[in-house]
Amino acid sequence: MPQALTQIRALIERLEGQGNLRSDKDELGADLHRTYSSLDDARDAAEALYSALNRTHASLRPSPTRSEPEERRPGSG
């Protein structure tokens, strides 16, 4: 998701650079500023979500330093 938002921003920047964008309110500069700011916020939120999900996944894995009780070890029963 963060990469997609970065790609969307790059596309809009390219369209802006080519002069292919217009504003129906004659406020293109302000519109673009809000758009870029919102895309940056969304990218940051997506990165935070990705990081939080990775931490959650890591916390659910068995700890490599904790050994299982003898009766639960594979092949011990």
Protein backbone atom coordinates (compact mmCIF):
# COMPACT_ATOMS: atom_id res chain seq x y z
CA MET A 1 0.00 0.00 0.00
CA PRO A 2 2.72 2.58 0.79
CA GLN A 3 4.30 1.91 -2.60
CA ALA A 4 0.96 2.38 -4.39
CA LEU A 5 0.44 5.74 -2.71
CA THR A 6 3.95 6.81 -3.68
CA GLN A 7 3.23 5.79 -7.28
CA ILE A 8 -0.04 7.72 -7.29
CA ARG A 9 1.78 10.82 -6.06
CA ALA A 10 4.43 10.41 -8.77
CA LEU A 11 1.72 10.13 -11.44
CA ILE A 12 0.01 13.31 -10.24
CA GLU A 13 3.37 15.10 -10.12
CA ARG A 14 4.08 13.99 -13.69
CA LEU A 15 0.65 15.19 -14.86
CA GLU A 16 1.24 18.48 -13.07
CA GLY A 17 4.64 18.87 -14.70
CA GLN A 18 3.13 18.24 -18.14
CA GLY A 19 0.42 20.82 -17.51
CA ASN A 20 -2.33 18.22 -17.82
CA LEU A 21 -4.20 19.11 -14.63
CA ARG A 22 -6.90 21.72 -14.16
CA SER A 23 -9.02 22.86 -11.27
CA ASP A 24 -12.72 23.59 -11.66
CA LYS A 25 -12.33 26.09 -8.81
CA ASP A 26 -9.25 27.82 -10.30
CA GLU A 27 -7.30 26.74 -7.21
CA LEU A 28 -4.98 24.14 -8.71
CA GLY A 29 -2.04 25.04 -6.47
CA ALA A 30 -4.09 24.70 -3.29
CA ASP A 31 -5.79 21.55 -4.60
CA LEU A 32 -2.45 19.94 -5.37
CA HIS A 33 -1.01 20.95 -2.00
CA ARG A 34 -3.95 19.29 -0.21
CA THR A 35 -3.69 16.24 -2.48
CA TYR A 36 0.05 15.77 -1.88
CA SER A 37 -0.36 16.34 1.85
CA SER A 38 -3.21 13.81 2.04
CA LEU A 39 -1.26 11.24 0.02
CA ASP A 40 1.74 11.70 2.32
CA ASP A 41 -0.48 11.25 5.39
CA ALA A 42 -2.05 8.13 3.87
CA ARG A 43 1.39 6.69 3.02
CA ASP A 44 2.62 7.34 6.57
CA ALA A 45 -0.50 5.69 8.01
CA ALA A 46 -0.09 2.70 5.68
CA GLU A 47 3.53 2.32 6.77
CA ALA A 48 2.50 2.51 10.43
CA LEU A 49 -0.20 -0.12 9.86
CA TYR A 50 2.28 -2.38 8.06
CA SER A 51 4.74 -2.02 10.93
CA ALA A 52 2.07 -2.70 13.56
CA LEU A 53 0.88 -5.81 11.73
CA ASN A 54 4.46 -7.08 11.50
CA ARG A 55 4.95 -6.55 15.24
CA THR A 56 1.67 -8.35 15.94
CA HIS A 57 2.68 -11.26 13.73
CA ALA A 58 6.11 -11.44 15.39
CA SER A 59 4.57 -11.44 18.86
CA LEU A 60 2.39 -14.43 17.99
CA ARG A 61 5.31 -16.62 16.95
CA PRO A 62 6.81 -18.94 19.55
CA SER A 63 9.83 -17.51 21.25
CA PRO A 64 13.06 -19.20 20.11
CA THR A 65 14.47 -18.98 23.65
CA ARG A 66 11.49 -20.66 25.31
CA SER A 67 11.54 -24.44 25.25
CA GLU A 68 8.36 -26.44 25.21
CA PRO A 69 7.52 -28.76 28.11
CA GLU A 70 8.77 -32.29 27.57
CA GLU A 71 5.30 -33.72 26.92
CA ARG A 72 4.60 -31.20 24.15
CA ARG A 73 7.88 -31.56 22.25
CA PRO A 74 7.43 -33.24 18.87
CA GLY A 75 8.60 -36.85 18.90
CA SER A 76 8.67 -37.06 22.70
CA GLY A 77 5.49 -38.97 23.17
